[in-house]
Amino acid sequence: MLAERILLTAADLQAMPDSGRGYELVKGELQRMAPTSPKHGKIAARLIIRLGTFVEANELGEVYSSETGFTLEVDPDTVRAPDAAFVSADRIPEEDDSDGYWVLAPDLVAEVLSPSDAAGTVLAKVQDYLDAGVRLVWVIDPRSKSVTVYRSLKDVQVFTVREVLSGQDVLPGFSLPVSALFG
């Protein structure tokens, strides 16, 4: 007889010690996220600083760090915590001070690859974001010093250190030389 799987909810994740830090929830199943390397953290911080400065100066919304979980799917629940996320001002819930995870797909998410990230796992995460309604996904690869931009799984562009990343219609006017992430 097969053991019945017990699926967790976003509320279960939130109730864990340290509010579930170090975990994501994928279709009700807990997934451990190992702490990142200094290189990973530096790249994510550089991106958050530049995104945050632009978003704040233009009063476009808010930028969130990897400590922020977003419920992308309900029943079974999927809660993802991207390395960086942007939510436009008109989509931020009225109850901004809520202690729970928002049931909301950010407008833009960025993930910095770790050496242990498997290609299939990363693509599944990108698919989760796109299926939930994220309009722009940036996957930053420290090894190749590139950023892969997804609008869908068919609309994909790769930007190298000689190119400039743009916010497209999600963050009009935002631009960032890819080299600035890796300097």
Protein backbone atom coordinates (compact mmCIF):
# COMPACT_ATOMS: atom_id res chain seq x y z
CA MET A 1 0.00 0.00 0.00
CA LEU A 2 1.35 3.42 -0.98
CA ALA A 3 1.67 6.05 1.70
CA GLU A 4 -0.59 9.03 1.13
CA ARG A 5 1.30 12.25 0.49
CA ILE A 6 0.42 15.10 2.79
CA LEU A 7 0.36 18.38 0.92
CA LEU A 8 1.19 21.58 2.77
CA THR A 9 -0.44 24.96 2.29
CA ALA A 10 0.99 28.47 2.20
CA ALA A 11 -0.35 28.89 5.76
CA ASP A 12 1.58 25.77 6.87
CA LEU A 13 4.75 27.21 5.35
CA GLN A 14 4.15 30.55 7.06
CA ALA A 15 3.61 28.79 10.42
CA MET A 16 6.97 26.99 10.26
CA PRO A 17 9.80 28.20 12.50
CA ASP A 18 11.31 31.36 11.02
CA SER A 19 8.21 31.65 8.78
CA GLY A 20 9.46 28.94 6.44
CA ARG A 21 12.70 30.72 5.53
CA GLY A 22 14.93 28.51 3.47
CA TYR A 23 11.99 26.73 1.82
CA GLU A 24 9.67 27.10 -1.11
CA LEU A 25 6.41 25.24 -1.55
CA VAL A 26 5.83 23.61 -4.94
CA LYS A 27 2.39 22.11 -5.52
CA GLY A 28 2.07 21.49 -1.79
CA GLU A 29 5.50 19.89 -1.36
CA LEU A 30 8.25 21.50 0.67
CA GLN A 31 11.52 22.21 -1.16
CA ARG A 32 14.64 23.17 0.77
CA MET A 33 16.66 26.12 -0.53
CA ALA A 34 20.29 26.09 0.57
CA PRO A 35 21.95 29.36 1.59
CA THR A 36 23.65 31.03 -1.34
CA SER A 37 27.29 31.91 -1.95
CA PRO A 38 28.67 35.43 -1.52
CA LYS A 39 28.90 35.74 -5.34
CA HIS A 40 25.19 34.88 -5.68
CA GLY A 41 24.26 37.36 -2.93
CA LYS A 42 26.40 40.11 -4.45
CA ILE A 43 24.74 39.75 -7.87
CA ALA A 44 21.24 39.72 -6.35
CA ALA A 45 22.07 42.75 -4.19
CA ARG A 46 23.42 44.71 -7.16
CA LEU A 47 20.23 44.02 -9.07
CA ILE A 48 17.97 44.90 -6.14
CA ILE A 49 19.82 48.18 -5.54
CA ARG A 50 19.50 49.24 -9.18
CA LEU A 51 15.89 48.09 -9.53
CA GLY A 52 14.92 49.63 -6.21
CA THR A 53 16.53 52.98 -6.99
CA PHE A 54 14.75 53.18 -10.36
CA VAL A 55 11.38 52.02 -9.04
CA GLU A 56 11.47 54.37 -6.05
CA ALA A 57 12.62 57.40 -8.09
CA ASN A 58 9.76 56.84 -10.54
CA GLU A 59 7.17 55.78 -7.91
CA LEU A 60 6.38 52.62 -9.87
CA GLY A 61 5.76 50.16 -7.03
CA GLU A 62 7.99 48.06 -4.80
CA VAL A 63 11.01 45.77 -5.14
CA TYR A 64 11.28 42.70 -2.90
CA SER A 65 14.22 40.49 -1.90
CA SER A 66 14.54 36.71 -1.69
CA GLU A 67 13.03 36.68 1.79
CA THR A 68 9.62 37.43 0.25
CA GLY A 69 7.29 34.59 -0.65
CA PHE A 70 4.55 34.91 -3.27
CA THR A 71 1.71 32.39 -3.54
CA LEU A 72 1.60 31.63 -7.26
CA GLU A 73 -0.92 28.78 -7.17
CA VAL A 74 -3.56 27.61 -4.70
CA ASP A 75 -4.77 24.05 -4.02
CA PRO A 76 -2.18 22.70 -4.15
CA ASP A 77 -0.22 25.75 -3.07
CA THR A 78 2.97 26.96 -4.70
CA VAL A 79 4.94 29.66 -2.86
CA ARG A 80 8.08 30.91 -4.57
CA ALA A 81 10.70 33.35 -3.23
CA PRO A 82 12.61 34.84 -6.18
CA ASP A 83 15.98 36.51 -5.62
CA ALA A 84 14.37 39.80 -6.67
CA ALA A 85 10.80 40.77 -7.53
CA PHE A 86 8.98 43.89 -8.67
CA VAL A 87 5.27 44.55 -8.11
CA SER A 88 3.73 47.62 -9.74
CA ALA A 89 2.04 50.14 -7.46
CA ASP A 90 -1.44 49.51 -8.85
CA ARG A 91 -1.18 45.78 -8.01
CA ILE A 92 0.04 46.04 -4.41
CA PRO A 93 -2.77 44.85 -2.14
CA GLU A 94 -4.41 47.46 0.10
CA GLU A 95 -3.41 45.47 3.18
CA ASP A 96 0.30 45.93 2.48
CA ASP A 97 1.15 45.09 6.11
CA SER A 98 -0.24 41.55 5.92
CA ASP A 99 1.87 38.89 7.62
CA GLY A 100 0.86 36.18 5.12
CA TYR A 101 2.12 35.56 1.62
CA TRP A 102 0.31 37.50 -1.06
CA VAL A 103 -1.63 35.43 -3.57
CA LEU A 104 -0.04 37.42 -6.35
CA ALA A 105 2.40 36.99 -9.20
CA PRO A 106 4.97 39.78 -9.32
CA ASP A 107 5.30 41.73 -12.58
CA LEU A 108 9.00 40.85 -12.81
CA VAL A 109 11.12 38.24 -11.07
CA ALA A 110 14.83 37.55 -11.18
CA GLU A 111 16.62 34.35 -10.22
CA VAL A 112 20.39 34.09 -9.85
CA LEU A 113 21.60 30.60 -10.73
CA SER A 114 23.61 28.61 -8.21
CA PRO A 115 26.16 26.00 -9.29
CA SER A 116 23.84 23.27 -7.96
CA ASP A 117 20.77 24.43 -9.97
CA ALA A 118 19.69 21.79 -12.48
CA ALA A 119 18.46 23.11 -15.83
CA GLY A 120 15.15 21.26 -15.52
CA THR A 121 14.49 22.67 -12.06
CA VAL A 122 15.20 26.22 -13.23
CA LEU A 123 12.93 25.81 -16.25
CA ALA A 124 10.16 24.44 -14.00
CA LYS A 125 10.51 27.51 -11.79
CA VAL A 126 10.38 29.81 -14.83
CA GLN A 127 7.25 27.96 -16.01
CA ASP A 128 5.64 28.41 -12.56
CA TYR A 129 6.28 32.14 -12.74
CA LEU A 130 4.96 32.51 -16.28
CA ASP A 131 1.88 30.34 -15.61
CA ALA A 132 1.07 32.50 -12.59
CA GLY A 133 1.18 35.67 -14.70
CA VAL A 134 4.68 37.04 -14.17
CA ARG A 135 5.25 39.24 -17.21
CA LEU A 136 9.07 39.20 -17.25
CA VAL A 137 11.49 36.60 -15.83
CA TRP A 138 15.23 37.20 -15.70
CA VAL A 139 17.52 34.22 -15.07
CA ILE A 140 21.01 35.46 -14.23
CA ASP A 141 23.88 33.04 -14.89
CA PRO A 142 27.12 33.94 -13.07
CA ARG A 143 29.10 31.26 -14.96
CA SER A 144 28.35 32.56 -18.45
CA LYS A 145 27.87 36.14 -17.22
CA SER A 146 24.57 36.36 -19.05
CA VAL A 147 20.89 37.02 -18.39
CA THR A 148 18.18 34.96 -20.06
CA VAL A 149 14.94 36.91 -20.38
CA TYR A 150 11.63 35.07 -20.61
CA ARG A 151 8.31 36.60 -21.66
CA SER A 152 7.14 33.04 -22.35
CA LEU A 153 8.93 29.76 -23.00
CA LYS A 154 8.88 30.68 -26.70
CA ASP A 155 9.85 34.34 -26.30
CA VAL A 156 13.36 34.04 -24.88
CA GLN A 157 16.39 36.32 -25.29
CA VAL A 158 19.92 35.98 -23.93
CA PHE A 159 21.89 39.10 -23.00
CA THR A 160 25.67 39.01 -22.50
CA VAL A 161 28.04 41.38 -20.70
CA ARG A 162 28.37 43.45 -23.88
CA GLU A 163 24.61 44.19 -23.88
CA VAL A 164 22.09 46.20 -21.90
CA LEU A 165 19.12 44.67 -20.13
CA SER A 166 15.86 46.63 -20.32
CA GLY A 167 12.68 46.67 -18.29
CA GLN A 168 10.68 46.52 -21.54
CA ASP A 169 7.00 47.39 -20.97
CA VAL A 170 7.13 46.11 -17.36
CA LEU A 171 9.60 48.81 -16.24
CA PRO A 172 9.70 51.34 -19.11
CA GLY A 173 12.91 53.35 -19.08
CA PHE A 174 14.86 50.93 -16.90
CA SER A 175 18.16 49.78 -18.36
CA LEU A 176 21.11 47.99 -16.87
CA PRO A 177 24.36 46.98 -18.52
CA VAL A 178 24.62 43.24 -17.89
CA SER A 179 28.30 43.77 -16.98
CA ALA A 180 27.19 45.83 -13.94
CA LEU A 181 25.82 42.66 -12.34
CA PHE A 182 29.14 40.83 -12.54
CA GLY A 183 31.73 43.61 -12.00
